[in-house]
Amino acid sequence: MTFRRPWFCGWVLLLSASVMAEEPKNRPNIVVIFADDLGWGDVSFNGRTSWATPNLDRLASQGRKLNRFYAGSVTCAPSRAVLLTGRYSIHNGVTQNYQDLPAAEVTVAEALKDAGYSTALFGKWHHGAPPQGQETYTHPMDQGFEQFFGFTNAEHAWEKFPEELWDGRAKVPVSGHADDLFTDRAISFIEQHRDRPFFLYLPYISAHFNIEAPADEVELHKGKFPEVDPEFPLNATYAAMITRFDCNVGRLLAALTAADLDANTLVVFTSDHGATFESGNLGTSNFHDSNAPMRGQKRTLWEGGVRVPACVRWPGQIEAGTVSEEPMHSIDLWPTLLAVAGAPPKPELKTDGTNLLPVWTGQQSVPDRVLFWEWRTEGVDQVAAMRGPWKVVITSKGSPELFNVVTDPAERRNAAAQYPDRVKELKSALDQWLATEVSLPGTQPNSR
């Protein structure tokens, strides 16, 4: 099959949204763009020079770049569950990559649907084994999404050129590049819902595992990088996955402009966790140093595993060209998106995050708090806690490590011996947090 690079894959020039004399009558639309295994250093607004991501750069320049935004976990299923529920992994029932989201969890899509929003998911829905007491897998259309097109099973969600995808509750044959197909569907959704507030969740599959991209996109990068086998230019293909992802972001943003929705749409971009250096990646993220300058990767709690590229845009509400250096976490998206919709979450839902809208609009600072992560499976237990610039990382194979991630983002200088009281404080907070873990029926909490 021959793939031709579409005209829109260059620098997509977005037309300025028309200035509105009055406040929008409709509640704002919400778009969440969620990359897969995309590292901090994979985008040019974070310094990448070996390829360009002009559409993501433009998105960041038109809003606020979030330099210290943190993923909810370090593998796909837990991270997505945190984003969808606004609850830490130990509270939402998904602490391991094979676990499925319990049906009782209330997703942000369900909450927004109840608030009158049209909802859609085009991309990757990561299900695992059904929870104890639940006979079937959780389906996105049972969790608040009125439209769904994409992958449900994580074992297929690295197929860049799938032969079939789920369209609602039925599998249908497809042809083409997966992320292109998701963007096509997203553009149609925008065109059909321009007169009603919508929540559009786009969990793309770039740049997860299978190192594949459309041939025309790969051709743009051939010869730029050393290759083990020039007949299979893997490093060029990894670059092509990122630039094609950026191309699709540009198409999406252009569709919002064409529908005259820029001024009334919040766009959030981030990644599910850092890039991986594991075998399926075939050494490409390692070669490109995708998490630079951070230490670590997917499945680790150092900055390279949890700190991810992120930006937000809402013209007229979020000042263009601004940058935040405050720590923010994926748990915060749930209450923030509900605040944007004017539908604060019900207290009984017990979300863990903080409404960041006043922070993004420059009215407030992020409150002083401790943020947490855990990854206690696959043979290496890890937990981490952060307060301000200070982060402690504890693994089952070593003593606590303490880092000032503002002055030492590469986490090279362990300050635990110098500041034992900070270690003690953060370790105590971790112990208290872990004590709140919720056990699903028939299971036991993870142990550290």
Protein backbone atom coordinates (compact mmCIF):
# COMPACT_ATOMS: atom_id res chain seq x y z
CA MET A 1 0.00 0.00 0.00
CA THR A 2 1.33 3.46 -0.86
CA PHE A 3 0.84 6.22 1.67
CA ARG A 4 0.94 9.83 0.56
CA ARG A 5 1.70 12.54 3.03
CA PRO A 6 -1.38 14.80 3.16
CA TRP A 7 -1.04 18.50 2.40
CA PHE A 8 -1.85 19.40 6.00
CA CYS A 9 1.24 17.73 7.47
CA GLY A 10 3.46 20.76 7.15
CA TRP A 11 3.19 23.76 9.40
CA VAL A 12 -0.56 24.14 9.79
CA LEU A 13 -1.32 27.83 9.83
CA LEU A 14 -4.27 28.37 12.09
CA LEU A 15 -6.50 31.35 11.42
CA SER A 16 -7.13 33.58 14.39
CA ALA A 17 -10.46 33.01 16.02
CA SER A 18 -12.87 35.85 15.59
CA VAL A 19 -13.03 38.19 18.54
CA MET A 20 -16.32 37.80 20.30
CA ALA A 21 -17.92 40.94 21.65
CA GLU A 22 -19.93 39.00 24.22
CA GLU A 23 -19.33 36.02 26.43
CA PRO A 24 -20.02 32.76 24.55
CA LYS A 25 -23.56 31.63 25.04
CA ASN A 26 -22.60 27.98 25.08
CA ARG A 27 -20.46 26.29 27.66
CA PRO A 28 -16.92 25.70 26.45
CA ASN A 29 -15.96 22.59 24.55
CA ILE A 30 -13.17 20.42 25.95
CA VAL A 31 -10.59 18.51 23.92
CA VAL A 32 -7.99 16.25 25.56
CA ILE A 33 -5.13 15.07 23.34
CA PHE A 34 -3.35 12.15 25.01
CA ALA A 35 -0.15 10.78 23.49
CA ASP A 36 1.14 7.27 24.20
CA ASP A 37 4.73 6.71 25.40
CA LEU A 38 5.69 10.23 24.28
CA GLY A 39 8.74 11.49 26.14
CA TRP A 40 9.39 14.94 27.59
CA GLY A 41 12.10 15.57 25.00
CA ASP A 42 10.15 14.33 21.97
CA VAL A 43 8.50 17.70 21.25
CA SER A 44 10.26 20.77 19.96
CA PHE A 45 8.61 23.10 22.47
CA ASN A 46 10.73 21.24 25.03
CA GLY A 47 13.90 21.61 22.98
CA ARG A 48 13.85 18.84 20.37
CA THR A 49 15.89 19.97 17.36
CA SER A 50 16.30 16.79 15.29
CA TRP A 51 12.69 17.12 14.14
CA ALA A 52 9.96 19.71 14.57
CA THR A 53 6.49 19.61 16.11
CA PRO A 54 5.19 22.98 14.84
CA ASN A 55 1.53 22.38 15.61
CA LEU A 56 2.19 21.38 19.21
CA ASP A 57 4.58 24.33 19.46
CA ARG A 58 1.86 26.66 18.20
CA LEU A 59 -0.65 25.16 20.65
CA ALA A 60 1.77 25.78 23.53
CA SER A 61 2.55 29.31 22.37
CA GLN A 62 -1.15 30.16 22.18
CA GLY A 63 -1.72 29.07 25.77
CA ARG A 64 0.26 27.93 28.80
CA LYS A 65 3.13 25.46 28.74
CA LEU A 66 3.15 23.23 31.83
CA ASN A 67 6.79 22.46 32.55
CA ARG A 68 6.09 20.34 35.62
CA PHE A 69 3.11 18.26 34.61
CA TYR A 70 3.12 14.68 35.89
CA ALA A 71 1.44 11.54 34.61
CA GLY A 72 -0.81 9.50 36.86
CA SER A 73 1.29 6.36 36.53
CA VAL A 74 4.10 4.83 34.51
CA THR A 75 2.18 2.34 32.37
CA CYS A 76 -0.85 2.71 30.15
CA ALA A 77 -3.81 1.29 32.08
CA PRO A 78 -3.15 2.95 35.48
CA SER A 79 -2.28 6.28 33.89
CA ARG A 80 -5.48 6.35 31.83
CA ALA A 81 -7.56 5.34 34.83
CA VAL A 82 -6.12 8.24 36.84
CA LEU A 83 -6.91 10.73 34.09
CA LEU A 84 -10.45 9.42 33.61
CA THR A 85 -11.37 9.27 37.31
CA GLY A 86 -9.31 12.02 38.95
CA ARG A 87 -8.32 9.42 41.54
CA TYR A 88 -4.98 7.88 42.35
CA SER A 89 -4.37 4.32 41.20
CA ILE A 90 -4.73 3.02 44.75
CA HIS A 91 -8.21 4.53 44.90
CA ASN A 92 -9.61 3.71 41.43
CA GLY A 93 -8.72 -0.01 41.38
CA VAL A 94 -6.16 0.08 38.56
CA THR A 95 -2.65 -0.27 39.93
CA GLN A 96 -1.35 -2.74 37.35
CA ASN A 97 -1.28 -2.71 33.59
CA TYR A 98 -3.54 -5.73 33.11
CA GLN A 99 -6.34 -4.44 35.35
CA ASP A 100 -9.60 -3.09 33.98
CA LEU A 101 -11.36 0.04 35.20
CA PRO A 102 -14.10 -1.00 37.65
CA ALA A 103 -17.56 -0.23 36.29
CA ALA A 104 -18.44 1.63 39.49
CA GLU A 105 -15.80 4.29 38.84
CA VAL A 106 -17.27 7.56 37.56
CA THR A 107 -15.29 8.89 34.63
CA VAL A 108 -14.97 12.52 33.59
CA ALA A 109 -16.98 11.58 30.49
CA GLU A 110 -19.88 10.39 32.66
CA ALA A 111 -19.79 13.57 34.71
CA LEU A 112 -19.67 15.79 31.62
CA LYS A 113 -22.40 13.81 29.92
CA ASP A 114 -24.60 14.36 32.96
CA ALA A 115 -23.83 18.06 32.61
CA GLY A 116 -25.22 18.08 29.07
CA TYR A 117 -22.07 17.48 27.04
CA SER A 118 -21.80 15.29 23.97
CA THR A 119 -18.91 12.90 24.57
CA ALA A 120 -16.61 10.91 22.32
CA LEU A 121 -13.46 8.80 22.52
CA PHE A 122 -11.47 8.12 19.37
CA GLY A 123 -8.33 6.10 20.02
CA LYS A 124 -7.13 3.75 22.71
CA TRP A 125 -9.28 2.43 25.54
CA HIS A 126 -7.04 0.14 27.57
CA HIS A 127 -8.94 -2.72 29.17
CA GLY A 128 -7.44 -5.62 31.08
CA ALA A 129 -8.96 -8.51 32.97
CA PRO A 130 -12.43 -7.81 34.43
CA PRO A 131 -12.28 -6.90 38.15
CA GLN A 132 -13.41 -9.47 40.71
CA GLY A 133 -17.19 -9.57 40.75
CA GLN A 134 -17.40 -8.07 37.26
CA GLU A 135 -18.06 -10.55 34.44
CA THR A 136 -17.25 -8.42 31.42
CA TYR A 137 -14.70 -5.85 30.38
CA THR A 138 -15.51 -2.22 30.96
CA HIS A 139 -16.52 -0.62 27.65
CA PRO A 140 -16.12 3.12 27.04
CA MET A 141 -19.75 3.45 26.05
CA ASP A 142 -20.68 2.16 29.50
CA GLN A 143 -18.45 4.81 31.05
CA GLY A 144 -19.94 7.98 29.63
CA PHE A 145 -18.73 8.04 26.01
CA GLU A 146 -21.59 8.35 23.55
CA GLN A 147 -19.31 7.69 20.58
CA PHE A 148 -16.31 5.38 20.44
CA PHE A 149 -13.96 4.40 17.63
CA GLY A 150 -10.67 2.66 18.30
CA PHE A 151 -8.97 -0.07 20.30
CA THR A 152 -10.33 -1.66 23.44
CA ASN A 153 -7.74 -4.39 23.94
CA ALA A 154 -4.26 -3.24 24.90
CA GLU A 155 -2.77 -6.22 23.05
CA HIS A 156 -3.75 -4.61 19.75
CA ALA A 157 -3.33 -0.93 20.59
CA TRP A 158 0.16 -0.70 19.14
CA GLU A 159 -1.02 -1.60 15.62
CA LYS A 160 -0.25 1.47 13.55
CA PHE A 161 -2.07 0.02 10.52
CA PRO A 162 -4.94 -2.03 11.97
CA GLU A 163 -7.21 -4.17 9.82
CA GLU A 164 -10.18 -3.68 12.14
CA LEU A 165 -11.25 -1.37 14.94
CA TRP A 166 -14.23 -1.06 17.24
CA ASP A 167 -16.89 1.36 16.03
CA GLY A 168 -19.18 1.61 18.99
CA ARG A 169 -19.82 -1.98 20.08
CA ALA A 170 -19.06 -3.60 16.75
CA LYS A 171 -15.78 -4.37 15.01
CA VAL A 172 -15.45 -2.95 11.53
CA PRO A 173 -12.77 -3.35 8.83
CA VAL A 174 -10.51 -0.34 8.40
CA SER A 175 -7.60 0.70 6.23
CA GLY A 176 -4.98 3.34 6.91
CA HIS A 177 -2.86 4.77 9.69
CA ALA A 178 -4.61 4.47 13.06
CA ASP A 179 -3.98 8.00 14.29
CA ASP A 180 -5.07 9.42 10.92
CA LEU A 181 -8.32 7.47 11.24
CA PHE A 182 -8.91 8.73 14.79
CA THR A 183 -8.34 12.30 13.62
CA ASP A 184 -10.72 11.86 10.69
CA ARG A 185 -13.42 10.75 13.10
CA ALA A 186 -12.63 13.61 15.50
CA ILE A 187 -12.96 16.19 12.72
CA SER A 188 -16.36 14.78 11.75
CA PHE A 189 -17.43 14.89 15.39
CA ILE A 190 -16.42 18.55 15.67
CA GLU A 191 -18.30 19.46 12.50
CA GLN A 192 -21.42 17.69 13.73
CA HIS A 193 -21.35 19.19 17.24
CA ARG A 194 -20.36 22.79 16.65
CA ASP A 195 -23.67 23.98 18.13
CA ARG A 196 -23.56 21.89 21.34
CA PRO A 197 -20.86 21.65 24.02
CA PHE A 198 -18.72 18.55 23.63
CA PHE A 199 -15.97 16.59 25.36
CA LEU A 200 -13.59 14.98 22.88
CA TYR A 201 -10.97 12.59 24.27
CA LEU A 202 -8.25 11.59 21.80
CA PRO A 203 -5.90 8.96 23.24
CA TYR A 204 -3.65 8.47 20.22
CA ILE A 205 -1.30 5.48 19.94
CA SER A 206 1.83 7.38 18.92
CA ALA A 207 4.54 6.61 19.83
CA HIS A 208 3.71 3.31 21.53
CA PHE A 209 5.86 0.30 20.62
CA ASN A 210 5.51 -0.91 16.99
CA ILE A 211 7.98 1.35 15.22
CA GLU A 212 5.87 2.08 12.13
CA ALA A 213 4.69 5.18 10.33
CA PRO A 214 3.32 6.05 6.89
CA ALA A 215 6.03 5.58 4.27
CA ASP A 216 5.85 9.19 3.05
CA GLU A 217 6.41 10.42 6.61
CA VAL A 218 9.40 8.11 7.10
CA GLU A 219 10.87 9.35 3.82
CA LEU A 220 11.12 12.85 5.31
CA HIS A 221 13.55 11.61 7.96
CA LYS A 222 15.62 9.03 6.10
CA GLY A 223 19.33 9.76 6.18
CA LYS A 224 19.12 12.09 9.16
CA PHE A 225 20.15 9.49 11.74
CA PRO A 226 22.59 6.58 11.92
CA GLU A 227 20.78 3.26 11.48
CA VAL A 228 21.78 -0.31 12.33
CA ASP A 229 20.23 -1.37 9.03
CA PRO A 230 19.53 1.41 6.51
CA GLU A 231 16.97 -0.87 4.84
CA PHE A 232 14.94 -0.62 8.04
CA PRO A 233 15.47 2.96 9.22
CA LEU A 234 14.05 2.58 12.72
CA ASN A 235 15.37 5.86 14.09
CA ALA A 236 13.90 7.74 11.15
CA THR A 237 10.62 5.90 11.66
CA TYR A 238 10.43 6.93 15.31
CA ALA A 239 10.87 10.55 14.26
CA ALA A 240 8.14 10.01 11.65
CA MET A 241 5.73 8.71 14.32
CA ILE A 242 6.15 11.96 16.24
CA THR A 243 5.87 14.28 13.27
CA ARG A 244 2.78 12.42 12.01
CA PHE A 245 1.26 12.80 15.47
CA ASP A 246 1.98 16.53 15.29
CA CYS A 247 0.42 16.62 11.83
CA ASN A 248 -2.78 15.14 13.21
CA VAL A 249 -2.83 17.65 16.05
CA GLY A 250 -2.61 20.34 13.38
CA ARG A 251 -5.54 18.86 11.49
CA LEU A 252 -7.59 18.79 14.67
CA LEU A 253 -6.79 22.40 15.56
CA ALA A 254 -7.57 23.51 12.02
CA ALA A 255 -10.99 21.83 12.31
CA LEU A 256 -11.73 23.81 15.47
CA THR A 257 -10.77 27.01 13.66
CA ALA A 258 -12.90 26.13 10.63
CA ALA A 259 -15.89 25.55 12.93
CA ASP A 260 -15.24 28.93 14.62
CA LEU A 261 -14.77 27.15 17.96
CA ASP A 262 -11.26 28.24 18.98
CA ALA A 263 -12.40 30.86 21.46
CA ASN A 264 -14.87 28.53 23.10
CA THR A 265 -12.71 25.41 23.38
CA LEU A 266 -10.20 24.33 26.01
CA VAL A 267 -7.51 22.09 24.50
CA VAL A 268 -5.32 20.00 26.79
CA PHE A 269 -2.29 18.10 25.50
CA THR A 270 -0.14 15.64 27.45
CA SER A 271 1.23 12.07 27.45
CA ASP A 272 0.34 8.99 29.49
CA HIS A 273 3.93 8.64 30.82
CA GLY A 274 7.51 8.92 29.63
CA ALA A 275 9.05 7.16 26.67
CA THR A 276 10.17 3.56 26.98
CA PHE A 277 13.58 2.01 26.42
CA GLU A 278 12.10 -1.50 26.47
CA SER A 279 12.59 -4.18 23.80
CA GLY A 280 9.47 -3.44 21.74
CA ASN A 281 10.76 0.07 21.12
CA LEU A 282 13.77 -1.42 19.29
CA GLY A 283 16.18 1.10 20.81
CA THR A 284 14.69 4.14 19.10
CA SER A 285 13.69 6.18 22.17
CA ASN A 286 17.05 5.33 23.69
CA PHE A 287 18.87 6.55 20.58
CA HIS A 288 16.85 9.78 20.51
CA ASP A 289 17.14 10.28 24.30
CA SER A 290 13.40 10.89 24.33
CA ASN A 291 13.09 11.77 28.02
CA ALA A 292 16.05 14.16 28.08
CA PRO A 293 17.13 15.75 30.32
CA MET A 294 15.25 13.54 32.78
CA ARG A 295 16.43 10.29 34.32
CA GLY A 296 14.43 7.10 33.82
CA GLN A 297 11.71 5.84 31.51
CA LYS A 298 8.32 4.17 31.45
CA ARG A 299 7.92 1.82 34.45
CA THR A 300 10.16 3.98 36.66
CA LEU A 301 9.21 6.76 39.06
CA TRP A 302 12.12 9.02 38.26
CA GLU A 303 11.29 12.15 36.28
CA GLY A 304 11.74 10.44 32.92
CA GLY A 305 8.89 8.11 33.79
CA VAL A 306 6.42 10.58 35.27
CA ARG A 307 7.16 14.09 34.00
CA VAL A 308 5.53 14.53 30.59
CA PRO A 309 5.13 17.25 27.95
CA ALA A 310 1.98 19.28 28.47
CA CYS A 311 0.24 22.50 27.51
CA VAL A 312 -3.25 24.00 27.65
CA ARG A 313 -4.98 26.53 25.38
CA TRP A 314 -8.21 28.48 25.86
CA PRO A 315 -8.12 31.82 24.02
CA GLY A 316 -9.35 34.72 26.11
CA GLN A 317 -9.15 32.70 29.32
CA ILE A 318 -5.57 31.38 29.42
CA GLU A 319 -2.98 34.00 28.55
CA ALA A 320 -0.97 33.12 25.46
CA GLY A 321 2.76 32.57 25.78
CA THR A 322 2.74 31.79 29.50
CA VAL A 323 4.71 29.07 31.26
CA SER A 324 4.04 27.32 34.55
CA GLU A 325 6.79 25.82 36.69
CA GLU A 326 4.41 24.58 39.39
CA PRO A 327 3.84 20.84 39.96
CA MET A 328 0.59 19.55 38.46
CA HIS A 329 -0.70 16.00 38.23
CA SER A 330 -3.07 14.02 36.04
CA ILE A 331 -5.44 13.67 39.00
CA ASP A 332 -6.08 17.41 38.61
CA LEU A 333 -7.65 17.17 35.15
CA TRP A 334 -10.96 15.67 36.35
CA PRO A 335 -11.93 18.54 38.70
CA THR A 336 -10.46 21.13 36.34
CA LEU A 337 -12.48 19.99 33.35
CA LEU A 338 -15.62 19.91 35.44
CA ALA A 339 -14.89 23.48 36.59
CA VAL A 340 -14.47 24.55 32.97
CA ALA A 341 -17.89 23.05 32.25
CA GLY A 342 -19.42 24.84 35.23
CA ALA A 343 -20.29 21.50 36.83
CA PRO A 344 -18.19 20.97 39.98
CA PRO A 345 -17.79 17.31 40.96
CA LYS A 346 -20.09 15.86 43.56
CA PRO A 347 -18.31 15.60 46.94
CA GLU A 348 -19.25 11.94 47.34
CA LEU A 349 -17.08 11.05 44.33
CA LYS A 350 -13.95 11.80 46.39
CA THR A 351 -11.64 12.83 43.59
CA ASP A 352 -8.02 13.35 44.63
CA GLY A 353 -7.10 16.27 42.39
CA THR A 354 -7.24 20.04 42.57
CA ASN A 355 -9.10 22.40 40.24
CA LEU A 356 -6.29 24.02 38.25
CA LEU A 357 -8.45 26.46 36.29
CA PRO A 358 -7.55 29.42 38.56
CA VAL A 359 -3.90 28.45 38.16
CA TRP A 360 -4.07 28.19 34.39
CA THR A 361 -5.82 31.57 34.16
CA GLY A 362 -3.19 33.19 36.38
CA GLN A 363 -5.44 33.96 39.34
CA GLN A 364 -3.90 31.57 41.87
CA SER A 365 -0.89 29.39 42.56
CA VAL A 366 -1.03 25.64 42.99
CA PRO A 367 -1.74 24.91 46.68
CA ASP A 368 0.95 23.38 48.84
CA ARG A 369 0.42 19.61 48.82
CA VAL A 370 2.14 16.26 48.47
CA LEU A 371 1.76 14.31 45.21
CA PHE A 372 2.16 10.54 45.01
CA TRP A 373 2.98 7.70 42.62
CA GLU A 374 3.33 3.95 43.00
CA TRP A 375 4.42 1.10 40.76
CA ARG A 376 4.51 -2.11 42.77
CA THR A 377 4.45 -4.92 40.28
CA GLU A 378 6.63 -6.81 37.80
CA GLY A 379 9.36 -7.44 40.36
CA VAL A 380 10.43 -3.96 41.45
CA ASP A 381 8.33 -2.08 44.00
CA GLN A 382 8.59 1.69 43.68
CA VAL A 383 6.83 4.54 45.45
CA ALA A 384 7.43 8.28 45.25
CA ALA A 385 6.19 11.48 46.86
CA MET A 386 6.78 15.12 45.96
CA ARG A 387 6.24 18.36 47.80
CA GLY A 388 7.29 21.51 46.00
CA PRO A 389 10.72 20.87 44.45
CA TRP A 390 11.52 17.90 46.71
CA LYS A 391 10.86 14.35 45.64
CA VAL A 392 11.63 11.09 47.39
CA VAL A 393 11.84 7.82 45.43
CA ILE A 394 11.91 4.52 47.29
CA THR A 395 12.47 1.18 45.58
CA SER A 396 12.58 -2.33 46.99
CA LYS A 397 16.20 -2.57 45.87
CA GLY A 398 17.67 0.47 47.57
CA SER A 399 17.50 3.18 50.21
CA PRO A 400 15.33 6.29 49.80
CA GLU A 401 16.61 8.80 47.27
CA LEU A 402 15.85 12.51 47.66
CA PHE A 403 16.10 15.00 44.81
CA ASN A 404 15.41 18.66 44.20
CA VAL A 405 13.87 18.19 40.77
CA VAL A 406 13.89 21.93 40.04
CA THR A 407 17.65 22.34 40.36
CA ASP A 408 18.42 18.71 39.48
CA PRO A 409 15.79 17.45 37.00
CA ALA A 410 18.14 14.65 35.94
CA GLU A 411 18.06 13.35 39.54
CA ARG A 412 21.81 12.85 39.63
CA ARG A 413 22.43 14.21 43.13
CA ASN A 414 20.82 12.20 45.90
CA ALA A 415 20.35 14.62 48.82
CA ALA A 416 18.93 12.09 51.29
CA ALA A 417 21.98 12.19 53.57
CA GLN A 418 21.96 15.98 53.60
CA TYR A 419 18.24 16.37 54.35
CA PRO A 420 17.12 13.37 56.42
CA ASP A 421 14.16 15.29 57.83
CA ARG A 422 12.75 15.85 54.35
CA VAL A 423 13.09 12.15 53.66
CA LYS A 424 11.32 11.34 56.89
CA GLU A 425 8.50 13.80 56.14
CA LEU A 426 7.85 12.48 52.63
CA LYS A 427 8.19 8.85 53.68
CA SER A 428 5.63 9.42 56.44
CA ALA A 429 3.25 11.02 53.91
CA LEU A 430 3.73 8.00 51.63
CA ASP A 431 2.91 5.57 54.42
CA GLN A 432 -0.27 7.49 55.25
CA TRP A 433 -1.26 7.60 51.59
CA LEU A 434 -0.69 3.88 51.04
CA ALA A 435 -2.84 3.13 54.07
CA THR A 436 -5.80 4.58 52.14
CA GLU A 437 -5.55 1.97 49.37
CA VAL A 438 -8.89 0.49 48.39
CA SER A 439 -9.12 -3.30 48.01
CA LEU A 440 -11.38 -4.62 45.31
CA PRO A 441 -13.51 -7.63 46.26
CA GLY A 442 -11.44 -10.80 46.27
CA THR A 443 -8.09 -9.00 46.06
CA GLN A 444 -5.47 -7.81 48.49
CA PRO A 445 -3.76 -4.41 48.40
CA ASN A 446 -0.28 -4.32 46.98
CA SER A 447 2.50 -4.45 49.54
CA ARG A 448 5.61 -2.38 49.45
